[in-house]
Protein backbone atom coordinates (compact mmCIF):
# COMPACT_ATOMS: atom_id res chain seq x y z
CA MET A 1 -36.41 -58.50 113.71
CA CYS A 2 -34.06 -60.67 111.62
CA ALA A 3 -34.85 -64.28 110.78
CA ILE A 4 -32.68 -66.86 112.50
CA LYS A 5 -30.80 -68.99 110.02
CA THR A 6 -30.96 -72.77 110.46
CA LEU A 7 -28.39 -75.28 109.30
CA ASP A 8 -30.12 -77.83 107.08
CA GLY A 9 -28.85 -81.32 107.83
CA GLY A 10 -27.11 -80.14 110.98
CA ILE A 11 -27.34 -81.17 114.61
CA SER A 12 -28.26 -79.25 117.77
CA TRP A 13 -26.93 -79.26 121.34
CA LEU A 14 -27.89 -76.77 124.08
CA GLY A 15 -29.43 -74.44 121.51
CA VAL A 16 -26.32 -74.37 119.33
CA GLN A 17 -26.58 -75.68 115.78
CA TYR A 18 -23.63 -77.49 114.18
CA LYS A 19 -22.98 -78.71 110.67
CA THR A 20 -19.66 -80.20 109.60
CA ILE A 21 -18.88 -78.81 106.17
CA LEU A 22 -15.40 -80.36 105.76
CA THR A 23 -14.81 -83.67 107.52
CA THR A 24 -11.54 -85.04 108.79
CA ALA A 25 -11.89 -87.92 106.31
CA GLU A 26 -12.30 -85.49 103.39
CA SER A 27 -9.06 -83.72 104.35
CA GLY A 28 -7.01 -86.83 105.03
CA GLY A 29 -6.96 -85.92 108.74
CA ALA A 30 -5.49 -82.45 108.23
CA ILE A 31 -8.48 -80.29 109.16
CA SER A 32 -12.18 -80.17 109.97
CA VAL A 33 -14.53 -77.24 109.45
CA THR A 34 -17.80 -76.97 111.35
CA GLU A 35 -20.39 -74.28 110.73
CA SER A 36 -22.10 -73.18 113.93
CA ILE A 37 -24.89 -70.88 115.04
CA SER A 38 -24.74 -69.98 118.75
CA PRO A 39 -27.58 -68.09 120.51
CA ALA A 40 -27.06 -64.71 122.15
CA GLY A 41 -25.41 -65.10 125.56
CA SER A 42 -24.21 -68.65 124.91
CA GLY A 43 -20.72 -70.09 125.13
CA PRO A 44 -18.92 -73.25 126.22
CA PRO A 45 -17.17 -73.91 129.53
CA ARG A 46 -13.49 -73.00 129.64
CA HIS A 47 -11.43 -75.72 128.03
CA ILE A 48 -8.17 -76.75 126.40
CA HIS A 49 -7.69 -78.64 123.13
CA GLN A 50 -4.53 -80.66 123.74
CA LYS A 51 -3.81 -81.55 120.08
CA GLU A 52 -5.74 -79.10 117.91
CA ASP A 53 -5.37 -75.46 116.97
CA GLU A 54 -8.80 -73.80 116.70
CA SER A 55 -9.74 -70.88 114.48
CA PHE A 56 -13.04 -69.01 114.40
CA VAL A 57 -14.38 -66.95 111.50
CA LEU A 58 -17.40 -64.84 112.51
CA LEU A 59 -20.00 -64.50 109.75
CA THR A 60 -22.66 -62.68 111.82
CA GLY A 61 -22.90 -61.47 115.40
CA ALA A 62 -20.15 -60.80 117.93
CA CYS A 63 -18.24 -62.74 120.60
CA ASP A 64 -15.85 -62.11 123.42
CA PHE A 65 -13.07 -64.69 123.26
CA TRP A 66 -11.33 -65.42 126.57
CA LEU A 67 -7.77 -66.72 126.12
CA ASP A 68 -5.68 -67.38 129.23
CA GLY A 69 -7.47 -64.63 131.18
CA VAL A 70 -7.49 -61.96 128.45
CA VAL A 71 -10.73 -60.99 126.64
CA HIS A 72 -10.57 -60.39 122.87
CA PRO A 73 -13.78 -58.94 121.33
CA ARG A 74 -14.56 -59.98 117.75
CA ARG A 75 -17.46 -59.22 115.41
CA ALA A 76 -18.75 -60.35 112.03
CA GLY A 77 -16.01 -60.30 109.40
CA GLU A 78 -13.25 -60.96 111.95
CA SER A 79 -11.49 -64.10 113.10
CA PHE A 80 -9.79 -65.46 116.20
CA PHE A 81 -7.04 -68.07 116.62
CA VAL A 82 -6.62 -70.35 119.65
CA PRO A 83 -3.31 -72.28 119.77
CA ARG A 84 -3.49 -75.88 121.00
CA GLY A 85 -2.83 -76.23 124.71
CA THR A 86 -4.34 -72.81 125.50
CA ASN A 87 -7.13 -72.30 128.06
CA HIS A 88 -10.03 -70.56 126.31
CA THR A 89 -13.76 -70.02 125.86
CA PHE A 90 -16.09 -67.50 124.24
CA LYS A 91 -19.43 -65.85 124.82
CA VAL A 92 -21.82 -64.48 122.20
CA THR A 93 -22.20 -60.78 123.04
CA SER A 94 -24.45 -59.65 120.20
CA ALA A 95 -28.24 -59.51 120.51
CA GLU A 96 -28.50 -61.83 117.51
CA PRO A 97 -26.98 -65.32 117.25
CA CYS A 98 -23.37 -65.64 116.18
CA HIS A 99 -22.96 -67.61 112.95
CA HIS A 100 -19.37 -68.74 112.63
CA LEU A 101 -16.98 -71.35 111.29
CA LYS A 102 -14.84 -73.47 113.64
CA ILE A 103 -11.67 -74.72 111.96
CA LEU A 104 -9.68 -77.35 113.84
CA THR A 105 -6.24 -78.57 112.77
CA PRO A 106 -5.65 -81.43 112.72
CA GLY A 107 -9.20 -82.67 112.22
CA GLY A 108 -11.19 -85.11 114.33
CA PHE A 109 -12.92 -82.93 116.90
CA GLU A 110 -16.20 -82.69 114.97
CA GLY A 111 -17.12 -86.08 116.48
CA PHE A 112 -17.38 -84.41 119.90
CA PHE A 113 -20.26 -82.20 118.70
CA ALA A 114 -22.03 -85.25 117.25
CA GLU A 115 -21.73 -87.16 120.54
CA MET A 116 -22.99 -84.19 122.56
CA ALA A 117 -26.00 -83.77 120.24
CA LYS A 118 -26.77 -87.48 120.33
CA GLY A 119 -26.67 -87.61 124.16
CA GLN A 120 -28.23 -84.16 124.69
CA PHE A 121 -25.99 -83.73 127.75
CA ARG A 122 -26.76 -80.74 130.00
CA ILE A 123 -24.48 -78.23 131.69
CA PRO A 124 -23.85 -78.38 134.64
CA GLU A 125 -25.86 -81.55 135.37
CA ASP A 126 -23.90 -83.85 133.02
CA MET A 127 -20.41 -82.34 133.34
CA ALA A 128 -18.80 -85.65 134.38
CA LYS A 129 -20.04 -87.37 131.20
CA ILE A 130 -19.14 -84.36 129.04
CA ALA A 131 -15.62 -84.39 130.51
CA GLU A 132 -15.31 -88.14 129.92
CA ILE A 133 -16.32 -87.84 126.27
CA GLY A 134 -14.21 -84.70 125.87
CA ALA A 135 -11.12 -86.58 127.08
CA ALA A 136 -11.56 -89.02 124.19
CA TYR A 137 -11.24 -85.96 121.89
CA ASN A 138 -8.18 -84.52 123.73
CA LEU A 139 -10.36 -81.89 125.44
CA SER A 140 -9.86 -80.85 129.06
CA LEU A 141 -12.58 -78.83 130.80
CA THR A 142 -11.01 -76.16 133.03
CA GLY A 143 -13.80 -73.93 134.33
CA PRO A 144 -17.22 -72.35 133.87
CA PRO A 145 -18.43 -70.38 130.85
CA LEU A 146 -17.96 -66.60 130.85
């Protein structure tokens, strides 16, 4: 059994750990980078980032990325790009957690993770509040997780 890595100084929401390692302020608004550890079987609801491109770099584990109805499997050492305005989600498919980097350009979206962790909102019980906060970050929820 492998030990589960924790992100010192990070935050947690729905079992996912987040730690912003490059803030929007540090990049002059150009980019944000968030390190994340997602449990096996986890993944967000389908959604669209209206203003940000999103890139994932998988450090451990594996995920199926769903992009406009097409599934794209990825594993540790691989990456995946989601253009802004594209309906997408992912699901961790490995038995171990998926440790990955989320890179958003331009930056600013890392505040969404902080607000979710602070409120400890639940899915599906708090979807209206999650959608409301998401809208402030140019995020539209479009459907259930995979």
